[in-house]
């Protein structure tokens, strides 16, 4: 029975592989840091996808902010990190289908690309970065932390042992950087990734592209997935009215999320088909950049949004110092032990400093967990 199943799955893999473009990343390129026996039922990238999907870090997505902190307490339809991940996965797989790319690789990268996002979205990222710099461990970047989670934190500190193309795609996403054309950096190595991490932690810029077309698809889709949805959430949150969107932009991209997504997807497919790159056309790219600027001015830096996130700037350094002191004093009652370090393999605690352990603990928190920790520490019950 097992032999027959193995033959069937091998044949199915061959057939599905025939539908891929010659530019797609194949299973033959799926190298792991630690050798493993192949899976009869799944491709290497499907294995990676499933490991990410069933990880604890993936489950915590639903409790993390996308843009608007605390709003899910009063409106459960506001976008959270989990929904954003689902949108990136769906859109990028659609693009991958029309370009003949490896959709299992795309899905694995999409599901894992934001695992390292701390609570409170990008405000949480900046606040945590300030604390990390103050404690001498360099700047915090959620894409670097995402790779760190799958390599060193998941599975009790032993890592998921994902393939190189998936790991590279995870660390190479960056929805904040605007690119008209994304051309893969071929021949990338582990040493190149380590160099990138070192430079970024030092606070410098680094020219960086994914190693595969699939990674480029996820990177360009990250923007497609959030740009219109953030507008819809802002309208729902009464920060914006639809008629306030710039007419010159909406004339080109549309004024609803579905219209914007359709326009951007079609531009990527038309300009990337049978090419060695993933790209928008110049006109669409221009108006997308203008829409990004509009969103930054009217949504991401709005006083109401910043006010709701100010709590993390006031408390991040305090909480970082608290956990660091708990580790130095061996306070086993602290959550940094009870909910984090006590579940990690010795190799994790030996390889990373106490400050890095605190960084990782905070980065894995949901908004609610962080909020409860603040209240427990700063507003303890007095009987």
Protein backbone atom coordinates (compact mmCIF):
# COMPACT_ATOMS: atom_id res chain seq x y z
CA UNK A 1 0.00 0.00 0.00
CA UNK A 2 2.73 2.48 0.99
CA UNK A 3 4.70 1.65 -2.17
CA UNK A 4 1.65 2.26 -4.36
CA UNK A 5 0.96 5.59 -2.63
CA UNK A 6 4.56 6.63 -3.11
CA UNK A 7 4.35 5.89 -6.84
CA UNK A 8 1.13 7.88 -7.16
CA UNK A 9 2.51 10.92 -5.35
CA UNK A 10 5.74 10.81 -7.38
CA UNK A 11 3.72 10.85 -10.61
CA UNK A 12 1.53 13.73 -9.40
CA UNK A 13 4.63 15.76 -8.51
CA UNK A 14 6.00 15.22 -12.02
CA UNK A 15 2.74 16.33 -13.64
CA UNK A 16 2.43 19.45 -11.48
CA UNK A 17 6.04 20.32 -12.20
CA UNK A 18 5.33 20.33 -15.94
CA UNK A 19 3.00 23.31 -15.47
CA UNK A 20 5.82 25.51 -14.19
CA UNK A 21 7.68 28.09 -16.23
CA UNK A 22 11.36 27.45 -16.87
CA UNK A 23 11.97 30.52 -14.68
CA UNK A 24 10.15 29.01 -11.68
CA UNK A 25 12.05 27.74 -8.66
CA UNK A 26 12.01 23.95 -8.68
CA UNK A 27 12.10 21.43 -5.86
CA UNK A 28 15.71 20.64 -6.85
CA UNK A 29 16.71 24.06 -5.50
CA UNK A 30 15.10 23.42 -2.10
CA UNK A 31 18.21 22.97 0.02
CA UNK A 32 17.94 22.80 3.82
CA UNK A 33 20.50 23.68 6.47
CA UNK A 34 20.10 20.20 7.95
CA UNK A 35 19.54 17.24 5.65
CA UNK A 36 16.19 15.43 5.88
CA UNK A 37 14.50 12.47 4.27
CA UNK A 38 12.20 13.58 1.40
CA UNK A 39 8.44 13.59 1.97
CA UNK A 40 6.54 11.17 -0.29
CA UNK A 41 3.31 13.20 -0.32
CA UNK A 42 4.56 16.77 -0.44
CA UNK A 43 7.11 18.84 -2.26
CA UNK A 44 9.86 20.46 -0.23
CA UNK A 45 8.08 23.83 -0.36
CA UNK A 46 4.77 22.30 0.68
CA UNK A 47 6.54 20.87 3.73
CA UNK A 48 7.82 24.37 4.55
CA UNK A 49 4.38 25.89 4.08
CA UNK A 50 2.83 23.39 6.48
CA UNK A 51 5.56 23.86 9.10
CA UNK A 52 4.90 27.59 9.09
CA UNK A 53 1.12 27.14 9.07
CA UNK A 54 1.16 24.95 12.18
CA UNK A 55 3.75 26.94 14.11
CA UNK A 56 2.98 28.88 17.27
CA UNK A 57 4.21 32.09 15.66
CA UNK A 58 1.63 31.73 12.90
CA UNK A 59 -1.18 31.32 15.45
CA UNK A 60 -0.22 34.60 17.07
CA UNK A 61 -0.83 36.58 13.87
CA UNK A 62 -4.49 37.06 14.76
CA UNK A 63 -3.58 39.00 17.90
CA UNK A 64 -1.22 41.48 16.25
CA UNK A 65 -1.95 44.94 14.86
CA UNK A 66 -1.78 45.69 11.16
CA UNK A 67 -2.24 49.49 11.36
CA UNK A 68 -4.95 50.34 13.89
CA UNK A 69 -4.21 49.18 17.42
CA UNK A 70 -7.00 48.26 19.83
CA UNK A 71 -9.76 48.74 17.23
CA UNK A 72 -10.56 45.02 17.10
CA UNK A 73 -11.89 45.37 20.63
CA UNK A 74 -14.78 47.42 19.25
CA UNK A 75 -14.87 46.37 15.58
CA UNK A 76 -13.89 42.83 14.69
CA UNK A 77 -13.88 43.54 10.95
CA UNK A 78 -10.84 45.81 11.15
CA UNK A 79 -7.81 44.23 9.51
CA UNK A 80 -5.29 42.49 11.74
CA UNK A 81 -1.97 40.88 10.84
CA UNK A 82 -3.64 37.53 10.20
CA UNK A 83 -5.96 38.96 7.54
CA UNK A 84 -3.06 40.76 5.87
CA UNK A 85 -1.17 37.47 5.62
CA UNK A 86 -4.21 35.79 4.04
CA UNK A 87 -4.52 38.60 1.48
CA UNK A 88 -0.81 38.46 0.58
CA UNK A 89 -1.01 34.69 0.15
CA UNK A 90 -4.12 34.79 -2.05
CA UNK A 91 -2.98 37.66 -4.27
CA UNK A 92 0.57 36.37 -4.71
CA UNK A 93 -0.68 32.88 -5.62
CA UNK A 94 -2.97 34.44 -8.24
CA UNK A 95 -0.05 36.28 -9.80
CA UNK A 96 2.10 33.15 -9.57
CA UNK A 97 -0.51 31.09 -11.38
CA UNK A 98 -0.53 33.38 -14.43
CA UNK A 99 3.26 33.63 -14.50
CA UNK A 100 3.78 29.86 -14.19
CA UNK A 101 5.70 30.16 -10.93
CA UNK A 102 5.95 27.78 -7.99
CA UNK A 103 2.81 28.53 -5.96
CA UNK A 104 3.79 26.32 -3.04
CA UNK A 105 7.00 28.32 -2.63
CA UNK A 106 5.02 31.55 -2.96
CA UNK A 107 2.53 30.44 -0.32
CA UNK A 108 5.24 29.40 2.13
CA UNK A 109 6.98 32.77 1.82
CA UNK A 110 3.70 34.67 2.10
CA UNK A 111 2.58 32.83 5.22
CA UNK A 112 5.94 33.32 6.93
CA UNK A 113 6.95 36.81 5.90
CA UNK A 114 5.56 38.70 8.92
CA UNK A 115 6.14 36.15 11.69
CA UNK A 116 8.62 38.50 13.34
CA UNK A 117 6.28 41.49 13.58
CA UNK A 118 6.06 42.64 17.20
CA UNK A 119 2.81 43.88 18.78
CA UNK A 120 1.41 47.25 17.67
CA UNK A 121 2.52 47.08 14.04
CA UNK A 122 5.23 49.40 12.76
CA UNK A 123 5.04 51.61 15.84
CA UNK A 124 5.84 48.54 17.93
CA UNK A 125 8.71 47.76 15.58
CA UNK A 126 10.23 51.23 15.97
CA UNK A 127 9.81 51.24 19.75
CA UNK A 128 11.41 47.81 20.07
CA UNK A 129 14.22 48.88 17.75
CA UNK A 130 15.00 51.84 20.04
CA UNK A 131 15.23 49.50 23.03
CA UNK A 132 17.43 47.05 21.12
CA UNK A 133 19.85 49.79 20.08
CA UNK A 134 19.96 51.08 23.67
CA UNK A 135 21.02 47.61 24.83
CA UNK A 136 23.71 47.16 22.19
CA UNK A 137 22.13 44.48 19.99
CA UNK A 138 21.48 46.65 16.94
CA UNK A 139 18.35 47.85 15.18
CA UNK A 140 15.25 45.64 15.10
CA UNK A 141 13.72 44.77 11.72
CA UNK A 142 10.70 42.50 11.58
CA UNK A 143 11.83 40.73 8.39
CA UNK A 144 15.13 39.78 10.05
CA UNK A 145 13.22 38.65 13.14
CA UNK A 146 10.89 36.58 10.92
CA UNK A 147 13.88 34.60 9.66
CA UNK A 148 15.24 34.38 13.20
CA UNK A 149 11.94 32.87 14.38
CA UNK A 150 11.89 30.10 11.78
CA UNK A 151 15.62 29.42 12.21
CA UNK A 152 16.12 29.69 15.97
CA UNK A 153 12.91 30.22 17.99
CA UNK A 154 10.28 27.82 16.63
CA UNK A 155 10.17 24.20 17.77
CA UNK A 156 11.40 25.12 21.25
CA UNK A 157 14.46 26.86 19.87
CA UNK A 158 15.60 24.27 17.34
CA UNK A 159 14.03 25.97 14.31
CA UNK A 160 11.86 24.73 11.44
CA UNK A 161 14.79 23.87 9.13
CA UNK A 162 13.14 25.52 6.12
CA UNK A 163 14.59 25.51 2.62
CA UNK A 164 16.83 28.35 1.46
CA UNK A 165 14.36 29.84 -1.09
CA UNK A 166 11.65 30.12 1.57
CA UNK A 167 14.01 31.59 4.17
CA UNK A 168 15.40 34.04 1.64
CA UNK A 169 11.90 35.08 0.55
CA UNK A 170 10.91 35.71 4.17
CA UNK A 171 13.85 38.00 4.96
CA UNK A 172 13.74 39.68 1.53
CA UNK A 173 10.19 41.05 1.69
CA UNK A 174 9.87 44.76 2.27
CA UNK A 175 6.55 46.44 1.55
CA UNK A 176 7.91 49.81 2.66
CA UNK A 177 10.47 50.10 -0.14
CA UNK A 178 8.98 51.17 -3.47
CA UNK A 179 10.22 49.31 -6.54
CA UNK A 180 8.89 49.43 -10.09
CA UNK A 181 10.98 46.41 -11.10
CA UNK A 182 12.15 43.53 -8.90
CA UNK A 183 14.86 41.36 -10.46
CA UNK A 184 16.07 38.37 -8.43
CA UNK A 185 19.58 38.34 -7.03
CA UNK A 186 20.77 34.96 -8.25
CA UNK A 187 23.52 32.99 -6.60
CA UNK A 188 22.71 34.28 -3.15
CA UNK A 189 24.40 32.51 -0.23
CA UNK A 190 24.04 32.20 3.54
CA UNK A 191 27.03 34.54 3.84
CA UNK A 192 25.13 37.16 1.82
CA UNK A 193 22.16 36.91 4.17
CA UNK A 194 24.45 37.26 7.20
CA UNK A 195 26.02 40.34 5.62
CA UNK A 196 22.58 41.88 5.07
CA UNK A 197 21.59 41.23 8.69
CA UNK A 198 24.82 42.72 10.00
CA UNK A 199 24.51 45.91 7.91
CA UNK A 200 20.81 46.45 8.65
CA UNK A 201 21.31 45.99 12.38
CA UNK A 202 24.01 48.67 12.23
CA UNK A 203 21.38 51.10 10.94
CA UNK A 204 22.61 51.35 7.36
CA UNK A 205 20.77 50.75 4.09
CA UNK A 206 21.49 47.72 1.96
CA UNK A 207 20.56 47.06 -1.67
CA UNK A 208 18.64 43.79 -1.48
CA UNK A 209 16.48 41.63 -3.71
CA UNK A 210 14.94 38.16 -3.24
CA UNK A 211 16.79 35.22 -4.76
CA UNK A 212 13.76 33.95 -6.72
CA UNK A 213 10.94 35.31 -8.86
CA UNK A 214 8.58 33.80 -6.30
CA UNK A 215 10.17 35.90 -3.57
CA UNK A 216 9.80 38.97 -5.80
CA UNK A 217 6.10 38.21 -6.27
CA UNK A 218 5.50 38.12 -2.50
CA UNK A 219 7.49 41.30 -1.99
CA UNK A 220 5.52 43.26 -4.59
CA UNK A 221 2.25 41.72 -3.36
CA UNK A 222 2.88 42.90 0.21
CA UNK A 223 2.17 46.45 -1.01
CA UNK A 224 -0.76 45.39 -3.21
CA UNK A 225 -2.39 43.71 -0.22
CA UNK A 226 -2.15 46.58 2.25
CA UNK A 227 -2.39 49.82 0.25
CA UNK A 228 -6.12 49.71 -0.54
CA UNK A 229 -7.13 47.76 2.54
CA UNK A 230 -5.59 50.40 4.81
CA UNK A 231 -7.75 52.99 3.05
CA UNK A 232 -10.88 50.89 3.62
CA UNK A 233 -9.99 50.51 7.30
CA UNK A 234 -9.33 54.26 7.62
CA UNK A 235 -12.73 55.00 6.11
CA UNK A 236 -14.31 52.51 8.49
CA UNK A 237 -12.43 54.15 11.37
CA UNK A 238 -13.71 57.60 10.23
CA UNK A 239 -10.23 58.93 9.53
CA UNK A 240 -11.05 59.41 5.84
CA UNK A 241 -13.96 59.87 3.48
CA UNK A 242 -13.76 58.15 0.13
CA UNK A 243 -14.28 61.42 -1.72
CA UNK A 244 -11.09 62.76 -0.07
CA UNK A 245 -8.92 60.36 -2.06
CA UNK A 246 -6.92 62.29 -4.73
CA UNK A 247 -8.88 62.29 -8.00
CA UNK A 248 -5.75 62.00 -10.16
CA UNK A 249 -4.81 58.78 -8.35
CA UNK A 250 -8.26 57.20 -8.23
CA UNK A 251 -8.69 57.92 -11.95
CA UNK A 252 -5.76 55.56 -12.58
CA UNK A 253 -6.01 53.00 -9.76
CA UNK A 254 -9.66 53.15 -8.67
CA UNK A 255 -11.12 54.27 -5.35
CA UNK A 256 -11.96 50.94 -3.69
CA UNK A 257 -9.70 48.16 -2.45
CA UNK A 258 -10.99 45.69 -5.04
CA UNK A 259 -10.41 48.15 -7.90
CA UNK A 260 -6.90 48.97 -6.70
CA UNK A 261 -5.98 45.30 -6.28
CA UNK A 262 -7.30 44.41 -9.74
CA UNK A 263 -5.40 47.26 -11.40
CA UNK A 264 -2.13 46.39 -9.65
CA UNK A 265 -2.40 42.63 -10.26
CA UNK A 266 -3.05 43.13 -13.98
CA UNK A 267 -0.09 45.51 -14.24
CA UNK A 268 2.24 42.97 -12.60
CA UNK A 269 1.07 40.06 -14.78
CA UNK A 270 1.27 41.99 -18.07
CA UNK A 271 4.69 43.45 -17.32
CA UNK A 272 6.21 40.31 -15.82
CA UNK A 273 4.94 37.57 -18.12
CA UNK A 274 7.80 35.54 -19.63
CA UNK A 275 10.35 37.92 -18.12
CA UNK A 276 13.23 37.58 -15.67
CA UNK A 277 11.69 40.14 -13.34
CA UNK A 278 8.48 41.10 -11.55
CA UNK A 279 7.31 44.62 -12.36
CA UNK A 280 4.62 47.27 -12.60
CA UNK A 281 4.40 49.50 -15.65
CA UNK A 282 5.89 52.96 -15.05
CA UNK A 283 2.56 54.82 -14.93
CA UNK A 284 0.94 52.44 -12.45
CA UNK A 285 4.09 52.48 -10.31
CA UNK A 286 4.04 56.29 -10.24
CA UNK A 287 0.44 56.49 -9.03
CA UNK A 288 1.00 53.70 -6.52
CA UNK A 289 3.88 55.68 -5.02
CA UNK A 290 1.64 58.75 -4.84
CA UNK A 291 -1.02 56.70 -3.07
CA UNK A 292 1.59 55.47 -0.58
CA UNK A 293 2.53 59.09 0.17
CA UNK A 294 -1.15 59.93 0.67
CA UNK A 295 -1.59 57.02 3.07
CA UNK A 296 1.47 58.02 5.10
CA UNK A 297 0.22 61.56 5.48
CA UNK A 298 -3.45 60.85 6.15
CA UNK A 299 -3.42 57.42 7.81
CA UNK A 300 -0.12 56.12 9.20
CA UNK A 301 0.97 59.43 10.76
CA UNK A 302 -2.52 60.63 11.72
CA UNK A 303 -2.67 61.99 15.29
CA UNK A 304 -5.49 59.60 16.25
CA UNK A 305 -3.49 56.58 15.07
CA UNK A 306 -0.33 57.74 16.79
CA UNK A 307 -2.20 58.52 20.00
CA UNK A 308 -3.50 54.97 20.30
CA UNK A 309 0.01 53.60 19.75
CA UNK A 310 1.79 56.01 22.11
CA UNK A 311 1.46 53.53 24.96
CA UNK A 312 4.12 51.30 23.44
CA UNK A 313 6.68 54.13 23.18
CA UNK A 314 6.12 55.01 26.84
CA UNK A 315 6.49 51.44 28.05
CA UNK A 316 8.81 49.51 25.73
CA UNK A 317 12.05 50.55 27.42
CA UNK A 318 10.55 49.89 30.84
CA UNK A 319 9.41 46.38 29.92
CA UNK A 320 12.70 45.58 28.17
CA UNK A 321 14.65 46.55 31.30
CA UNK A 322 12.27 44.55 33.50
CA UNK A 323 12.74 41.30 31.56
CA UNK A 324 16.49 41.83 31.33
CA UNK A 325 16.66 42.23 35.11
CA UNK A 326 14.47 39.14 35.60
CA UNK A 327 16.93 37.10 33.53
CA UNK A 328 19.99 38.47 35.32
CA UNK A 329 18.44 37.74 38.74
CA UNK A 330 17.04 34.39 37.70
CA UNK A 331 13.48 35.40 38.55
CA UNK A 332 11.74 32.15 37.53
CA UNK A 333 8.31 33.65 38.21
CA UNK A 334 8.76 36.15 35.40
CA UNK A 335 6.84 35.50 32.19
CA UNK A 336 10.11 35.68 30.26
CA UNK A 337 10.94 32.36 31.91
CA UNK A 338 7.49 30.83 32.38
CA UNK A 339 6.20 31.58 28.88
CA UNK A 340 9.40 31.68 26.85
CA UNK A 341 12.83 30.57 28.09
CA UNK A 342 11.60 27.52 30.02
CA UNK A 343 10.36 26.13 26.69
CA UNK A 344 13.56 26.71 24.75
CA UNK A 345 16.29 24.17 24.06
CA UNK A 346 19.66 24.80 25.77
CA UNK A 347 21.21 25.70 22.41
CA UNK A 348 18.99 28.77 22.10
CA UNK A 349 19.94 30.13 25.52
CA UNK A 350 23.61 29.40 24.93
CA UNK A 351 23.72 31.05 21.50
CA UNK A 352 21.86 34.29 22.26
CA UNK A 353 22.51 36.96 24.88
CA UNK A 354 19.95 37.96 27.52
CA UNK A 355 19.16 41.16 25.58
CA UNK A 356 18.52 39.14 22.44
CA UNK A 357 16.32 36.77 24.43
CA UNK A 358 14.26 39.73 25.69
CA UNK A 359 13.99 41.08 22.15
CA UNK A 360 12.68 37.73 20.94
CA UNK A 361 10.23 37.39 23.82
CA UNK A 362 8.71 40.83 23.17
CA UNK A 363 8.63 40.29 19.40
CA UNK A 364 6.55 37.14 19.84
CA UNK A 365 3.90 38.88 21.96
CA UNK A 366 0.41 39.75 20.76
CA UNK A 367 -1.04 43.19 21.47
CA UNK A 368 -3.24 41.84 24.24
CA UNK A 369 -0.40 39.92 25.93
CA UNK A 370 1.87 42.99 25.91
CA UNK A 371 -0.94 45.13 27.28
CA UNK A 372 -1.61 42.68 30.11
CA UNK A 373 2.08 42.59 30.98
CA UNK A 374 2.14 46.38 31.22
CA UNK A 375 -0.85 46.42 33.53
CA UNK A 376 0.53 43.60 35.66
CA UNK A 377 3.87 45.36 36.11
CA UNK A 378 2.86 49.02 36.32
CA UNK A 379 -0.58 48.64 37.88
CA UNK A 380 -0.28 45.64 40.21
CA UNK A 381 -3.29 44.62 42.28
CA UNK A 382 -3.19 45.80 45.89
CA UNK A 383 -5.41 43.91 48.29
